[in-house]
Structure formats: structure tokens, C-alpha cells
Amino acid sequence: MREDQPGGTELAAGPHQAVLPSHMLVEALNEHLAERHAGNRAYKQQQYSKAHHHYMRALAVVNFVVGSNLDDQAEVDHNKAIVLMNLAALHMATQEWGAAVTCSDDVLKLPVSSEDACKAWLRRSKANLGRHEYQAALQDLITAAEIEPWNEDIPVLRSRILQAQRAAACTSDKLLAARMFGLA
């Protein structure tokens, strides 16, 4: 970051990025939104490959642009978080649990709102459930509950995790018993 102007902070671009003034940033974010919305339509129609294509194009835009001030950059980060959470949902729909965790982790590295952070923790919890990593799923859920204790999705997801954990333990116990008695 550079302080070039009185009362303002100009952000510096990294390699393969461009600092855009507000009016140009709006155009870039509109391009991002068009791609993201096209991805959302494809996702709803279960056209996951097409949705992935659009989400990656949207992500490319927000990875390329840097706001010229902190407020503009906050808008870029928010939009980046949304497209990453869309990608996490897409990966979960295609049972690519590790990729969903990675996308959620990428959101959590951004300076996002508590609402976006809670959504990312919930997505990561669901992805860890899909990976059968129940303790990690519960820990992510606890973190989400610390941010938004009123969130209605939390008790529902907690029940799903605990039910899956009990089912896995029961299956494991049955397999162990079968091996002990030479039945497996």
C-alpha cells in the first residue's frame, strides 16, 4: 500500500493485476457479475461443467482487479468471496469435497464480513462432512456458531454431522465384531 494522497491510501497491484479507478472497477465487477449469474443459472440446471466455466471467468476478473482505495477493495474482496463460495457449492454438488474445502479456505483468507465468513465456515463444514471428517466438520460448525449463533442452518447441520458420525461408528463396530468372529 502507498499513501500518495492526503487522506487516502492507494493500493498497489501485484503481478498480473491492475489497480482500477472506481468507474473502471464498476465495469469490471459488472463483467464479473454477468459471468457469476450465468454460472448460477447453469448450476441451477445442474450443468456443472458450464457453471464451473462461468465461475472461473468471474474469479479471473476479481483476481485481476485491485480497488484504488480500501472501500473499492472491500467490494472486490466481497465479490471474490461470493464466487469462491459458489465454486465451493459446485464442488460439493459434484462430490469434490477437497476442492470445496480449498475454496472455503480461500474465502477465509480474505478480509470479509462476518456474514461471508460464517457462510464459508458452513460450506467448509458441509465439505468436511462429505469427506467423513466429522471432527473437522463439527469444529467448523462451532466456529460458524461463534459468528452467528442465531443461524438456523447450524443445528440442522450439527444433527446431520452427529448422525453420520454415529452411523460410521456403528459400521466400524460391526466390521470389528465380524473380524473378531471370523465373519469378515
N, C-alpha and C. Protein backbone atom coordinates (compact mmCIF):
# COMPACT_ATOMS: atom_id res chain seq x y z
N MET A 1 0.83 -1.17 0.00
CA MET A 1 0.00 0.00 0.00
C MET A 1 0.87 1.24 0.00
N ARG A 2 0.41 2.26 -0.67
CA ARG A 2 1.13 3.52 -0.71
C ARG A 2 0.19 4.63 -0.27
N GLU A 3 0.75 5.57 0.44
CA GLU A 3 -0.03 6.74 0.79
C GLU A 3 0.44 7.87 -0.10
N ASP A 4 -0.26 8.09 -1.21
CA ASP A 4 0.11 9.10 -2.18
C ASP A 4 -0.70 10.38 -2.01
N GLN A 5 -1.89 10.22 -1.53
CA GLN A 5 -2.80 11.36 -1.49
C GLN A 5 -3.13 11.69 -0.05
N PRO A 6 -3.30 12.97 0.24
CA PRO A 6 -3.72 13.30 1.59
C PRO A 6 -5.08 12.69 1.89
N GLY A 7 -5.16 12.02 3.01
CA GLY A 7 -6.43 11.43 3.42
C GLY A 7 -6.80 10.16 2.69
N GLY A 8 -5.93 9.63 1.85
CA GLY A 8 -6.29 8.43 1.10
C GLY A 8 -5.14 7.46 1.02
N THR A 9 -5.48 6.24 0.78
CA THR A 9 -4.48 5.19 0.63
C THR A 9 -4.69 4.56 -0.74
N GLU A 10 -3.63 4.53 -1.53
CA GLU A 10 -3.70 3.89 -2.83
C GLU A 10 -3.15 2.49 -2.69
N LEU A 11 -3.88 1.53 -3.19
CA LEU A 11 -3.45 0.14 -3.11
C LEU A 11 -2.54 -0.19 -4.28
N ALA A 12 -1.58 -1.04 -4.05
CA ALA A 12 -0.65 -1.44 -5.10
C ALA A 12 -1.08 -2.78 -5.68
N ALA A 13 -0.88 -2.92 -6.98
CA ALA A 13 -1.21 -4.16 -7.67
C ALA A 13 -0.03 -5.11 -7.61
N GLY A 14 -0.37 -6.39 -7.56
CA GLY A 14 0.65 -7.42 -7.64
C GLY A 14 0.90 -7.76 -9.10
N PRO A 15 1.73 -8.76 -9.35
CA PRO A 15 1.93 -9.17 -10.74
C PRO A 15 0.61 -9.68 -11.33
N HIS A 16 0.37 -9.36 -12.56
CA HIS A 16 -0.84 -9.80 -13.26
C HIS A 16 -2.12 -9.22 -12.66
N GLN A 17 -2.00 -8.02 -12.09
CA GLN A 17 -3.15 -7.33 -11.54
C GLN A 17 -3.12 -5.88 -12.00
N ALA A 18 -4.27 -5.23 -11.88
CA ALA A 18 -4.36 -3.82 -12.25
C ALA A 18 -5.18 -3.07 -11.23
N VAL A 19 -4.65 -1.92 -10.78
CA VAL A 19 -5.41 -1.04 -9.90
C VAL A 19 -6.34 -0.23 -10.80
N LEU A 20 -7.62 -0.30 -10.51
CA LEU A 20 -8.60 0.40 -11.34
C LEU A 20 -9.28 1.51 -10.55
N PRO A 21 -9.44 2.68 -11.19
CA PRO A 21 -10.24 3.72 -10.55
C PRO A 21 -11.68 3.23 -10.44
N SER A 22 -12.44 3.85 -9.55
CA SER A 22 -13.79 3.38 -9.24
C SER A 22 -14.66 3.17 -10.46
N HIS A 23 -14.66 4.11 -11.40
CA HIS A 23 -15.56 3.97 -12.56
C HIS A 23 -15.18 2.76 -13.43
N MET A 24 -13.90 2.45 -13.53
CA MET A 24 -13.49 1.28 -14.31
C MET A 24 -13.70 -0.01 -13.51
N LEU A 25 -13.59 0.08 -12.19
CA LEU A 25 -13.82 -1.08 -11.35
C LEU A 25 -15.27 -1.52 -11.45
N VAL A 26 -16.18 -0.57 -11.52
CA VAL A 26 -17.60 -0.89 -11.67
C VAL A 26 -17.82 -1.71 -12.94
N GLU A 27 -17.19 -1.32 -14.03
CA GLU A 27 -17.33 -2.06 -15.28
C GLU A 27 -16.79 -3.48 -15.13
N ALA A 28 -15.65 -3.62 -14.49
CA ALA A 28 -15.05 -4.94 -14.31
C ALA A 28 -15.94 -5.82 -13.41
N LEU A 29 -16.45 -5.23 -12.33
CA LEU A 29 -17.31 -6.01 -11.44
C LEU A 29 -18.63 -6.37 -12.11
N ASN A 30 -19.11 -5.52 -13.02
CA ASN A 30 -20.32 -5.88 -13.78
C ASN A 30 -20.04 -7.07 -14.70
N GLU A 31 -18.85 -7.10 -15.29
CA GLU A 31 -18.47 -8.27 -16.11
C GLU A 31 -18.42 -9.52 -15.23
N HIS A 32 -17.84 -9.38 -14.06
CA HIS A 32 -17.78 -10.48 -13.10
C HIS A 32 -19.19 -10.96 -12.74
N LEU A 33 -20.09 -10.02 -12.47
CA LEU A 33 -21.47 -10.38 -12.11
C LEU A 33 -22.18 -11.11 -13.24
N ALA A 34 -21.97 -10.68 -14.47
CA ALA A 34 -22.61 -11.35 -15.61
C ALA A 34 -22.15 -12.80 -15.69
N GLU A 35 -20.87 -13.03 -15.49
CA GLU A 35 -20.34 -14.40 -15.52
C GLU A 35 -20.86 -15.20 -14.33
N ARG A 36 -20.87 -14.58 -13.16
CA ARG A 36 -21.34 -15.29 -11.97
C ARG A 36 -22.81 -15.67 -12.09
N HIS A 37 -23.61 -14.74 -12.60
CA HIS A 37 -25.04 -15.04 -12.77
C HIS A 37 -25.26 -16.13 -13.82
N ALA A 38 -24.46 -16.12 -14.88
CA ALA A 38 -24.55 -17.20 -15.88
C ALA A 38 -24.17 -18.53 -15.22
N GLY A 39 -23.18 -18.50 -14.35
CA GLY A 39 -22.80 -19.71 -13.60
C GLY A 39 -23.92 -20.17 -12.69
N ASN A 40 -24.59 -19.22 -12.04
CA ASN A 40 -25.71 -19.58 -11.16
C ASN A 40 -26.84 -20.24 -11.94
N ARG A 41 -27.13 -19.71 -13.12
CA ARG A 41 -28.20 -20.32 -13.94
C ARG A 41 -27.81 -21.74 -14.35
N ALA A 42 -26.57 -21.92 -14.77
CA ALA A 42 -26.11 -23.26 -15.17
C ALA A 42 -26.13 -24.21 -13.96
N TYR A 43 -25.73 -23.72 -12.81
CA TYR A 43 -25.73 -24.54 -11.59
C TYR A 43 -27.14 -25.01 -11.27
N LYS A 44 -28.10 -24.11 -11.34
CA LYS A 44 -29.49 -24.48 -11.04
C LYS A 44 -30.02 -25.52 -12.01
N GLN A 45 -29.49 -25.53 -13.23
CA GLN A 45 -29.90 -26.52 -14.23
C GLN A 45 -29.00 -27.77 -14.18
N GLN A 46 -28.16 -27.84 -13.16
CA GLN A 46 -27.23 -28.95 -12.96
C GLN A 46 -26.27 -29.14 -14.13
N GLN A 47 -25.95 -28.05 -14.80
CA GLN A 47 -24.94 -28.05 -15.85
C GLN A 47 -23.62 -27.61 -15.20
N TYR A 48 -23.03 -28.54 -14.46
CA TYR A 48 -21.93 -28.18 -13.58
C TYR A 48 -20.66 -27.77 -14.33
N SER A 49 -20.38 -28.39 -15.45
CA SER A 49 -19.20 -28.01 -16.22
C SER A 49 -19.34 -26.57 -16.73
N LYS A 50 -20.51 -26.26 -17.22
CA LYS A 50 -20.78 -24.90 -17.71
C LYS A 50 -20.72 -23.90 -16.56
N ALA A 51 -21.30 -24.25 -15.42
CA ALA A 51 -21.26 -23.37 -14.25
C ALA A 51 -19.82 -23.12 -13.83
N HIS A 52 -19.01 -24.18 -13.81
CA HIS A 52 -17.60 -24.05 -13.44
C HIS A 52 -16.89 -23.08 -14.37
N HIS A 53 -17.14 -23.19 -15.65
CA HIS A 53 -16.53 -22.30 -16.64
C HIS A 53 -16.86 -20.83 -16.32
N HIS A 54 -18.13 -20.55 -16.07
CA HIS A 54 -18.54 -19.17 -15.79
C HIS A 54 -17.97 -18.68 -14.45
N TYR A 55 -17.98 -19.53 -13.44
CA TYR A 55 -17.43 -19.12 -12.15
C TYR A 55 -15.94 -18.84 -12.24
N MET A 56 -15.22 -19.65 -13.02
CA MET A 56 -13.78 -19.41 -13.17
C MET A 56 -13.51 -18.10 -13.92
N ARG A 57 -14.36 -17.78 -14.89
CA ARG A 57 -14.22 -16.49 -15.58
C ARG A 57 -14.50 -15.34 -14.63
N ALA A 58 -15.51 -15.49 -13.78
CA ALA A 58 -15.82 -14.46 -12.79
C ALA A 58 -14.67 -14.31 -11.80
N LEU A 59 -14.11 -15.43 -11.37
CA LEU A 59 -12.98 -15.39 -10.44
C LEU A 59 -11.76 -14.73 -11.08
N ALA A 60 -11.54 -14.97 -12.36
CA ALA A 60 -10.41 -14.36 -13.05
C ALA A 60 -10.52 -12.83 -13.01
N VAL A 61 -11.71 -12.31 -13.15
CA VAL A 61 -11.90 -10.86 -13.11
C VAL A 61 -11.52 -10.31 -11.73
N VAL A 62 -12.08 -10.90 -10.67
CA VAL A 62 -11.80 -10.37 -9.33
C VAL A 62 -10.37 -10.66 -8.88
N ASN A 63 -9.72 -11.64 -9.47
CA ASN A 63 -8.30 -11.85 -9.18
C ASN A 63 -7.43 -10.84 -9.89
N PHE A 64 -7.91 -10.30 -11.00
CA PHE A 64 -7.14 -9.35 -11.81
C PHE A 64 -7.21 -7.93 -11.26
N VAL A 65 -8.38 -7.53 -10.77
CA VAL A 65 -8.58 -6.14 -10.38
C VAL A 65 -8.22 -5.88 -8.93
N VAL A 66 -7.74 -4.66 -8.68
CA VAL A 66 -7.46 -4.17 -7.34
C VAL A 66 -8.16 -2.83 -7.25
N GLY A 67 -8.88 -2.61 -6.16
CA GLY A 67 -9.53 -1.32 -5.96
C GLY A 67 -8.50 -0.24 -5.72
N SER A 68 -8.84 0.98 -6.11
CA SER A 68 -7.90 2.09 -5.94
C SER A 68 -7.93 2.64 -4.52
N ASN A 69 -8.89 2.21 -3.70
CA ASN A 69 -8.94 2.62 -2.29
C ASN A 69 -9.49 1.45 -1.48
N LEU A 70 -9.48 1.60 -0.18
CA LEU A 70 -9.88 0.49 0.69
C LEU A 70 -11.34 0.09 0.52
N ASP A 71 -12.22 1.07 0.30
CA ASP A 71 -13.64 0.75 0.10
C ASP A 71 -13.84 -0.06 -1.18
N ASP A 72 -13.18 0.36 -2.26
CA ASP A 72 -13.29 -0.38 -3.52
C ASP A 72 -12.73 -1.79 -3.37
N GLN A 73 -11.62 -1.91 -2.65
CA GLN A 73 -11.01 -3.24 -2.47
C GLN A 73 -11.91 -4.13 -1.62
N ALA A 74 -12.60 -3.55 -0.67
CA ALA A 74 -13.55 -4.33 0.13
C ALA A 74 -14.65 -4.90 -0.76
N GLU A 75 -15.09 -4.13 -1.75
CA GLU A 75 -16.11 -4.62 -2.69
C GLU A 75 -15.55 -5.75 -3.55
N VAL A 76 -14.31 -5.61 -3.99
CA VAL A 76 -13.66 -6.68 -4.77
C VAL A 76 -13.58 -7.95 -3.91
N ASP A 77 -13.12 -7.81 -2.67
CA ASP A 77 -12.98 -8.97 -1.79
C ASP A 77 -14.33 -9.65 -1.53
N HIS A 78 -15.37 -8.86 -1.34
CA HIS A 78 -16.71 -9.42 -1.12
C HIS A 78 -17.17 -10.24 -2.33
N ASN A 79 -16.98 -9.68 -3.52
CA ASN A 79 -17.38 -10.39 -4.74
C ASN A 79 -16.52 -11.63 -4.98
N LYS A 80 -15.26 -11.55 -4.62
CA LYS A 80 -14.38 -12.72 -4.73
C LYS A 80 -14.86 -13.81 -3.78
N ALA A 81 -15.24 -13.42 -2.57
CA ALA A 81 -15.74 -14.39 -1.60
C ALA A 81 -16.99 -15.08 -2.12
N ILE A 82 -17.88 -14.33 -2.74
CA ILE A 82 -19.12 -14.92 -3.24
C ILE A 82 -18.83 -15.94 -4.34
N VAL A 83 -17.97 -15.60 -5.27
CA VAL A 83 -17.70 -16.54 -6.37
C VAL A 83 -16.95 -17.77 -5.84
N LEU A 84 -16.09 -17.59 -4.84
CA LEU A 84 -15.41 -18.74 -4.25
C LEU A 84 -16.41 -19.64 -3.51
N MET A 85 -17.39 -19.04 -2.85
CA MET A 85 -18.41 -19.86 -2.18
C MET A 85 -19.30 -20.56 -3.20
N ASN A 86 -19.55 -19.91 -4.35
CA ASN A 86 -20.29 -20.58 -5.43
C ASN A 86 -19.50 -21.78 -5.93
N LEU A 87 -18.20 -21.60 -6.09
CA LEU A 87 -17.35 -22.71 -6.52
C LEU A 87 -17.34 -23.83 -5.48
N ALA A 88 -17.33 -23.47 -4.20
CA ALA A 88 -17.37 -24.49 -3.15
C ALA A 88 -18.67 -25.29 -3.25
N ALA A 89 -19.79 -24.59 -3.45
CA ALA A 89 -21.08 -25.28 -3.59
C ALA A 89 -21.07 -26.19 -4.82
N LEU A 90 -20.50 -25.72 -5.90
CA LEU A 90 -20.40 -26.52 -7.13
C LEU A 90 -19.58 -27.78 -6.88
N HIS A 91 -18.44 -27.62 -6.20
CA HIS A 91 -17.59 -28.78 -5.90
C HIS A 91 -18.31 -29.77 -4.99
N MET A 92 -19.12 -29.27 -4.07
CA MET A 92 -19.88 -30.19 -3.22
C MET A 92 -20.94 -30.92 -4.04
N ALA A 93 -21.56 -30.23 -4.98
CA ALA A 93 -22.58 -30.87 -5.82
C ALA A 93 -21.98 -31.99 -6.66
N THR A 94 -20.70 -31.86 -6.99
CA THR A 94 -20.02 -32.89 -7.79
C THR A 94 -19.16 -33.81 -6.90
N GLN A 95 -19.36 -33.70 -5.60
CA GLN A 95 -18.67 -34.52 -4.60
C GLN A 95 -17.15 -34.37 -4.67
N GLU A 96 -16.68 -33.19 -5.01
CA GLU A 96 -15.26 -32.87 -4.98
C GLU A 96 -14.99 -32.15 -3.66
N TRP A 97 -15.01 -32.93 -2.58
CA TRP A 97 -15.00 -32.37 -1.23
C TRP A 97 -13.74 -31.58 -0.92
N GLY A 98 -12.60 -32.08 -1.34
CA GLY A 98 -11.34 -31.38 -1.07
C GLY A 98 -11.29 -30.02 -1.75
N ALA A 99 -11.78 -29.95 -2.98
CA ALA A 99 -11.81 -28.67 -3.70
C ALA A 99 -12.77 -27.70 -3.01
N ALA A 100 -13.86 -28.22 -2.46
CA ALA A 100 -14.81 -27.37 -1.73
C ALA A 100 -14.16 -26.80 -0.47
N VAL A 101 -13.39 -27.62 0.23
CA VAL A 101 -12.68 -27.15 1.42
C VAL A 101 -11.69 -26.06 1.02
N THR A 102 -10.96 -26.27 -0.07
CA THR A 102 -9.97 -25.30 -0.52
C THR A 102 -10.62 -23.97 -0.87
N CYS A 103 -11.74 -24.00 -1.58
CA CYS A 103 -12.44 -22.75 -1.91
C CYS A 103 -12.90 -22.03 -0.65
N SER A 104 -13.40 -22.78 0.32
CA SER A 104 -13.84 -22.18 1.59
C SER A 104 -12.64 -21.58 2.33
N ASP A 105 -11.53 -22.29 2.33
CA ASP A 105 -10.31 -21.76 2.95
C ASP A 105 -9.89 -20.45 2.28
N ASP A 106 -10.00 -20.39 0.96
CA ASP A 106 -9.63 -19.17 0.23
C ASP A 106 -10.51 -17.99 0.64
N VAL A 107 -11.78 -18.25 0.89
CA VAL A 107 -12.67 -17.17 1.38
C VAL A 107 -12.19 -16.70 2.74
N LEU A 108 -11.85 -17.64 3.61
CA LEU A 108 -11.47 -17.29 4.97
C LEU A 108 -10.13 -16.55 5.05
N LYS A 109 -9.35 -16.57 3.98
CA LYS A 109 -8.11 -15.80 3.92
C LYS A 109 -8.36 -14.34 3.57
N LEU A 110 -9.56 -14.04 3.09
CA LEU A 110 -9.91 -12.68 2.68
C LEU A 110 -10.43 -11.88 3.86
N PRO A 111 -10.27 -10.57 3.81
CA PRO A 111 -10.86 -9.72 4.86
C PRO A 111 -12.36 -9.51 4.57
N VAL A 112 -13.18 -10.50 4.93
CA VAL A 112 -14.60 -10.48 4.58
C VAL A 112 -15.46 -10.15 5.79
N SER A 113 -16.72 -9.88 5.52
CA SER A 113 -17.69 -9.61 6.58
C SER A 113 -17.92 -10.86 7.41
N SER A 114 -18.50 -10.68 8.59
CA SER A 114 -18.79 -11.83 9.43
C SER A 114 -19.83 -12.73 8.75
N GLU A 115 -20.75 -12.14 7.99
CA GLU A 115 -21.75 -12.95 7.27
C GLU A 115 -21.07 -13.85 6.24
N ASP A 116 -20.14 -13.30 5.45
CA ASP A 116 -19.43 -14.11 4.46
C ASP A 116 -18.56 -15.17 5.15
N ALA A 117 -17.93 -14.80 6.26
CA ALA A 117 -17.09 -15.76 6.99
C ALA A 117 -17.94 -16.92 7.52
N CYS A 118 -19.11 -16.61 8.05
CA CYS A 118 -19.99 -17.66 8.56
C CYS A 118 -20.40 -18.61 7.44
N LYS A 119 -20.76 -18.05 6.29
CA LYS A 119 -21.14 -18.89 5.15
C LYS A 119 -19.98 -19.79 4.74
N ALA A 120 -18.77 -19.24 4.75
CA ALA A 120 -17.60 -20.04 4.37
C ALA A 120 -17.35 -21.17 5.37
N TRP A 121 -17.50 -20.89 6.67
CA TRP A 121 -17.33 -21.94 7.68
C TRP A 121 -18.39 -23.01 7.52
N LEU A 122 -19.63 -22.61 7.19
CA LEU A 122 -20.69 -23.59 6.99
C LEU A 122 -20.41 -24.44 5.76
N ARG A 123 -19.95 -23.82 4.66
CA ARG A 123 -19.62 -24.59 3.46
C ARG A 123 -18.50 -25.57 3.77
N ARG A 124 -17.49 -25.09 4.49
CA ARG A 124 -16.36 -25.97 4.81
C ARG A 124 -16.81 -27.12 5.71
N SER A 125 -17.72 -26.84 6.63
CA SER A 125 -18.26 -27.89 7.50
C SER A 125 -18.98 -28.95 6.67
N LYS A 126 -19.80 -28.52 5.71
CA LYS A 126 -20.52 -29.47 4.84
C LYS A 126 -19.53 -30.28 4.01
N ALA A 127 -18.48 -29.62 3.51
CA ALA A 127 -17.49 -30.33 2.71
C ALA A 127 -16.74 -31.36 3.57
N ASN A 128 -16.41 -30.98 4.80
CA ASN A 128 -15.74 -31.94 5.69
C ASN A 128 -16.67 -33.09 6.04
N LEU A 129 -17.96 -32.82 6.16
CA LEU A 129 -18.93 -33.91 6.35
C LEU A 129 -18.87 -34.86 5.16
N GLY A 130 -18.85 -34.30 3.95
CA GLY A 130 -18.74 -35.13 2.75
C GLY A 130 -17.47 -35.96 2.71
N ARG A 131 -16.41 -35.45 3.32
CA ARG A 131 -15.14 -36.17 3.39
C ARG A 131 -15.11 -37.17 4.54
N HIS A 132 -16.17 -37.23 5.32
CA HIS A 132 -16.28 -38.08 6.51
C HIS A 132 -15.28 -37.67 7.58
N GLU A 133 -14.95 -36.38 7.59
CA GLU A 133 -14.07 -35.83 8.62
C GLU A 133 -14.97 -35.10 9.63
N TYR A 134 -15.57 -35.90 10.50
CA TYR A 134 -16.64 -35.41 11.36
C TYR A 134 -16.15 -34.41 12.40
N GLN A 135 -14.98 -34.65 12.97
CA GLN A 135 -14.46 -33.71 13.97
C GLN A 135 -14.16 -32.35 13.33
N ALA A 136 -13.58 -32.36 12.15
CA ALA A 136 -13.31 -31.11 11.45
C ALA A 136 -14.62 -30.40 11.10
N ALA A 137 -15.62 -31.18 10.68
CA ALA A 137 -16.93 -30.60 10.35
C ALA A 137 -17.55 -29.95 11.58
N LEU A 138 -17.47 -30.63 12.72
CA LEU A 138 -18.02 -30.07 13.96
C LEU A 138 -17.26 -28.82 14.39
N GLN A 139 -15.93 -28.84 14.26
CA GLN A 139 -15.13 -27.67 14.64
C GLN A 139 -15.48 -26.47 13.75
N ASP A 140 -15.64 -26.69 12.45
CA ASP A 140 -16.04 -25.60 11.55
C ASP A 140 -17.41 -25.07 11.95
N LEU A 141 -18.30 -25.96 12.34
CA LEU A 141 -19.64 -25.56 12.75
C LEU A 141 -19.61 -24.74 14.04
N ILE A 142 -18.75 -25.11 14.96
CA ILE A 142 -18.59 -24.34 16.20
C ILE A 142 -18.12 -22.93 15.88
N THR A 143 -17.17 -22.82 14.96
CA THR A 143 -16.67 -21.50 14.58
C THR A 143 -17.78 -20.67 13.93
N ALA A 144 -18.58 -21.29 13.08
CA ALA A 144 -19.71 -20.58 12.46
C ALA A 144 -20.69 -20.12 13.53
N ALA A 145 -20.94 -20.96 14.53
CA ALA A 145 -21.88 -20.61 15.60
C ALA A 145 -21.36 -19.47 16.47
N GLU A 146 -20.04 -19.36 16.59
CA GLU A 146 -19.46 -18.24 17.33
C GLU A 146 -19.71 -16.92 16.60
N ILE A 147 -19.78 -16.98 15.28
CA ILE A 147 -20.01 -15.78 14.47
C ILE A 147 -21.49 -15.44 14.43
N GLU A 148 -22.32 -16.44 14.16
CA GLU A 148 -23.77 -16.24 14.03
C GLU A 148 -24.52 -17.31 14.84
N PRO A 149 -24.61 -17.14 16.16
CA PRO A 149 -25.27 -18.17 16.98
C PRO A 149 -26.75 -18.35 16.64
N TRP A 150 -27.36 -17.40 15.99
CA TRP A 150 -28.78 -17.48 15.64
C TRP A 150 -29.03 -18.16 14.30
N ASN A 151 -27.98 -18.50 13.58
CA ASN A 151 -28.13 -19.08 12.24
C ASN A 151 -28.89 -20.40 12.32
N GLU A 152 -29.99 -20.49 11.60
CA GLU A 152 -30.87 -21.66 11.64
C GLU A 152 -30.26 -22.89 10.99
N ASP A 153 -29.27 -22.72 10.13
CA ASP A 153 -28.64 -23.86 9.47
C ASP A 153 -27.74 -24.66 10.42
N ILE A 154 -27.28 -24.01 11.46
CA ILE A 154 -26.29 -24.64 12.35
C ILE A 154 -26.85 -25.87 13.07
N PRO A 155 -28.00 -25.79 13.76
CA PRO A 155 -28.48 -27.02 14.43
C PRO A 155 -28.84 -28.14 13.47
N VAL A 156 -29.33 -27.79 12.27
CA VAL A 156 -29.67 -28.80 11.27
C VAL A 156 -28.40 -29.53 10.81
N LEU A 157 -27.37 -28.76 10.50
CA LEU A 157 -26.12 -29.36 10.06
C LEU A 157 -25.46 -30.15 11.19
N ARG A 158 -25.54 -29.64 12.41
CA ARG A 158 -24.98 -30.36 13.56
C ARG A 158 -25.63 -31.74 13.70
N SER A 159 -26.94 -31.80 13.55
CA SER A 159 -27.65 -33.09 13.62
C SER A 159 -27.18 -34.03 12.52
N ARG A 160 -27.02 -33.51 11.31
CA ARG A 160 -26.55 -34.34 10.19
C ARG A 160 -25.16 -34.90 10.47
N ILE A 161 -24.28 -34.05 11.00
CA ILE A 161 -22.91 -34.49 11.28
C ILE A 161 -22.91 -35.57 12.36
N LEU A 162 -23.63 -35.32 13.44
CA LEU A 162 -23.66 -36.29 14.54
C LEU A 162 -24.29 -37.60 14.11
N GLN A 163 -25.33 -37.54 13.30
CA GLN A 163 -25.97 -38.76 12.79
C GLN A 163 -25.00 -39.55 11.91
N ALA A 164 -24.29 -38.85 11.02
CA ALA A 164 -23.32 -39.52 10.14
C ALA A 164 -22.17 -40.11 10.96
N GLN A 165 -21.75 -39.38 11.99
CA GLN A 165 -20.67 -39.85 12.84
C GLN A 165 -21.09 -41.13 13.59
N ARG A 166 -22.31 -41.15 14.12
CA ARG A 166 -22.81 -42.34 14.81
C ARG A 166 -22.93 -43.52 13.84
N ALA A 167 -23.43 -43.26 12.64
CA ALA A 167 -23.58 -44.33 11.65
C ALA A 167 -22.22 -44.91 11.28
N ALA A 168 -21.22 -44.04 11.12
CA ALA A 168 -19.88 -44.51 10.78
C ALA A 168 -19.30 -45.33 11.92
N ALA A 169 -19.53 -44.89 13.15
CA ALA A 169 -19.02 -45.63 14.31
C ALA A 169 -19.69 -46.99 14.41
N CYS A 170 -20.99 -47.03 14.16
CA CYS A 170 -21.74 -48.29 14.22
C CYS A 170 -21.23 -49.27 13.15
N THR A 171 -21.01 -48.78 11.96
CA THR A 171 -20.49 -49.61 10.87
C THR A 171 -19.11 -50.13 11.23
N SER A 172 -18.30 -49.27 11.81
CA SER A 172 -16.95 -49.66 12.21
C SER A 172 -17.00 -50.74 13.30
N ASP A 173 -17.92 -50.58 14.26
CA ASP A 173 -18.07 -51.58 15.33
C ASP A 173 -18.52 -52.92 14.77
N LYS A 174 -19.45 -52.89 13.84
CA LYS A 174 -19.94 -54.14 13.23
C LYS A 174 -18.83 -54.85 12.46
N LEU A 175 -18.03 -54.09 11.75
CA LEU A 175 -16.92 -54.66 10.99
C LEU A 175 -15.89 -55.27 11.93
N LEU A 176 -15.60 -54.58 13.04
CA LEU A 176 -14.65 -55.09 14.02
C LEU A 176 -15.16 -56.40 14.62
N ALA A 177 -16.44 -56.44 14.98
CA ALA A 177 -17.04 -57.65 15.55
C ALA A 177 -17.00 -58.80 14.55
N ALA A 178 -17.30 -58.50 13.30
CA ALA A 178 -17.26 -59.53 12.26
C ALA A 178 -15.86 -60.08 12.09
N ARG A 179 -14.86 -59.22 12.16
CA ARG A 179 -13.47 -59.69 12.04
C ARG A 179 -13.08 -60.54 13.25
N MET A 180 -13.55 -60.13 14.42
CA MET A 180 -13.22 -60.88 15.64
C MET A 180 -13.75 -62.30 15.58
N PHE A 181 -14.92 -62.46 14.97
CA PHE A 181 -15.55 -63.79 14.90
C PHE A 181 -15.30 -64.47 13.56
N GLY A 182 -14.38 -63.92 12.78
CA GLY A 182 -14.00 -64.54 11.52
C GLY A 182 -15.08 -64.50 10.47
N LEU A 183 -15.97 -63.54 10.57
CA LEU A 183 -17.07 -63.43 9.60
C LEU A 183 -16.74 -62.46 8.47
N ALA A 184 -15.64 -61.76 8.59
CA ALA A 184 -15.31 -60.79 7.53
C ALA A 184 -13.94 -61.05 6.97
